[in-house]
């Protein structure tokens, strides 16, 4: 998964929160199908990662065939003290490789 920066208004000085301020952890699988072993990228809050680079939410470590997995990730944004108040918008993307 990856994230964009979060902006309010037109962005710019004091209107942008970097994606390095966004923490993520996948948590455990809540549902899965198919054969194989599915391992969360970050099982607990202690393993949270920032989304300033592409990260892995889940991986398949064993087995063949198709799988499906569902999880409920946690996302935390550390809001810098110098940003203006507003509604900030950004995108977090999950993709399959």
Protein backbone atom coordinates (compact mmCIF):
# COMPACT_ATOMS: atom_id res chain seq x y z
CA UNK A 1 0.00 0.00 0.00
CA UNK A 2 1.03 3.60 -0.39
CA UNK A 3 -0.33 7.06 0.38
CA UNK A 4 -0.33 10.51 -1.15
CA UNK A 5 0.25 13.63 0.89
CA UNK A 6 -2.84 15.03 2.58
CA UNK A 7 -3.81 18.60 1.69
CA UNK A 8 -6.43 21.18 2.52
CA UNK A 9 -7.46 24.00 0.22
CA UNK A 10 -4.87 24.37 -2.51
CA UNK A 11 -2.12 22.82 -0.44
CA UNK A 12 1.17 24.62 0.07
CA UNK A 13 2.82 25.97 3.19
CA UNK A 14 1.05 24.83 6.38
CA UNK A 15 -1.68 23.14 4.32
CA UNK A 16 0.04 19.81 3.65
CA UNK A 17 0.58 16.74 5.83
CA UNK A 18 3.29 14.48 4.42
CA UNK A 19 2.64 10.78 3.89
CA UNK A 20 5.52 10.18 6.31
CA UNK A 21 3.12 11.37 9.04
CA UNK A 22 0.68 8.56 8.16
CA UNK A 23 1.15 5.31 10.10
CA UNK A 24 -0.48 2.03 9.11
CA UNK A 25 -0.76 -1.49 10.39
CA UNK A 26 -2.76 -4.24 8.76
CA UNK A 27 -3.67 -6.27 11.84
CA UNK A 28 -4.69 -9.92 11.53
CA UNK A 29 -6.77 -11.47 8.78
CA UNK A 30 -10.48 -11.39 9.64
CA UNK A 31 -11.44 -13.70 6.79
CA UNK A 32 -9.51 -15.72 4.23
CA UNK A 33 -10.18 -18.38 1.61
CA UNK A 34 -8.04 -20.67 -0.52
CA UNK A 35 -4.95 -22.66 0.30
CA UNK A 36 -1.75 -21.19 1.53
CA UNK A 37 -0.37 -19.25 4.44
CA UNK A 38 -1.25 -15.56 4.58
CA UNK A 39 0.91 -13.37 6.82
CA UNK A 40 0.07 -9.78 7.82
CA UNK A 41 2.71 -7.17 7.10
CA UNK A 42 2.16 -5.46 10.46
CA UNK A 43 0.23 -7.54 12.97
CA UNK A 44 0.22 -5.01 15.83
CA UNK A 45 0.56 -1.28 16.50
CA UNK A 46 4.15 -1.92 17.58
CA UNK A 47 4.89 -2.89 13.96
CA UNK A 48 3.21 0.17 12.38
CA UNK A 49 4.95 1.64 9.34
CA UNK A 50 4.79 5.06 7.71
CA UNK A 51 3.43 5.31 4.20
CA UNK A 52 6.11 7.53 2.69
CA UNK A 53 7.21 4.48 0.66
CA UNK A 54 5.28 1.46 -0.65
CA UNK A 55 4.60 -1.12 2.07
CA UNK A 56 3.28 -4.68 2.20
CA UNK A 57 -0.09 -5.28 3.90
CA UNK A 58 -0.21 -9.09 3.50
CA UNK A 59 1.86 -11.75 1.79
CA UNK A 60 1.40 -15.37 0.88
CA UNK A 61 4.28 -17.47 2.17
CA UNK A 62 3.16 -20.97 1.16
CA UNK A 63 0.64 -22.77 -1.00
CA UNK A 64 -0.68 -22.64 -4.54
CA UNK A 65 -3.80 -21.26 -6.15
CA UNK A 66 -5.94 -18.24 -5.58
CA UNK A 67 -6.56 -16.69 -2.20
CA UNK A 68 -8.76 -14.03 -0.71
CA UNK A 69 -8.01 -12.17 2.51
CA UNK A 70 -9.86 -9.46 4.42
CA UNK A 71 -8.47 -7.33 7.22
CA UNK A 72 -9.33 -4.16 9.12
CA UNK A 73 -6.28 -1.90 9.00
CA UNK A 74 -5.56 0.94 11.40
CA UNK A 75 -4.44 4.29 10.05
CA UNK A 76 -3.03 7.03 12.25
CA UNK A 77 -2.17 10.55 11.07
CA UNK A 78 0.23 12.62 13.17
CA UNK A 79 -0.99 16.16 12.54
CA UNK A 80 1.88 18.67 12.74
CA UNK A 81 1.25 21.62 15.06
CA UNK A 82 1.93 24.18 12.32
CA UNK A 83 -0.79 23.14 9.84
CA UNK A 84 -3.95 25.18 9.48
CA UNK A 85 -7.28 23.76 10.57
CA UNK A 86 -9.31 22.24 7.76
CA UNK A 87 -10.51 19.12 6.04
CA UNK A 88 -7.48 17.28 4.67
CA UNK A 89 -7.80 14.90 1.74
CA UNK A 90 -5.39 12.21 0.63
CA UNK A 91 -5.46 8.72 -0.88
CA UNK A 92 -4.28 5.41 0.51
CA UNK A 93 -3.95 2.74 -2.19
CA UNK A 94 -3.82 -1.04 -1.82
CA UNK A 95 -2.68 -3.00 -4.86
CA UNK A 96 -1.97 -6.64 -5.60
CA UNK A 97 1.34 -7.76 -7.04
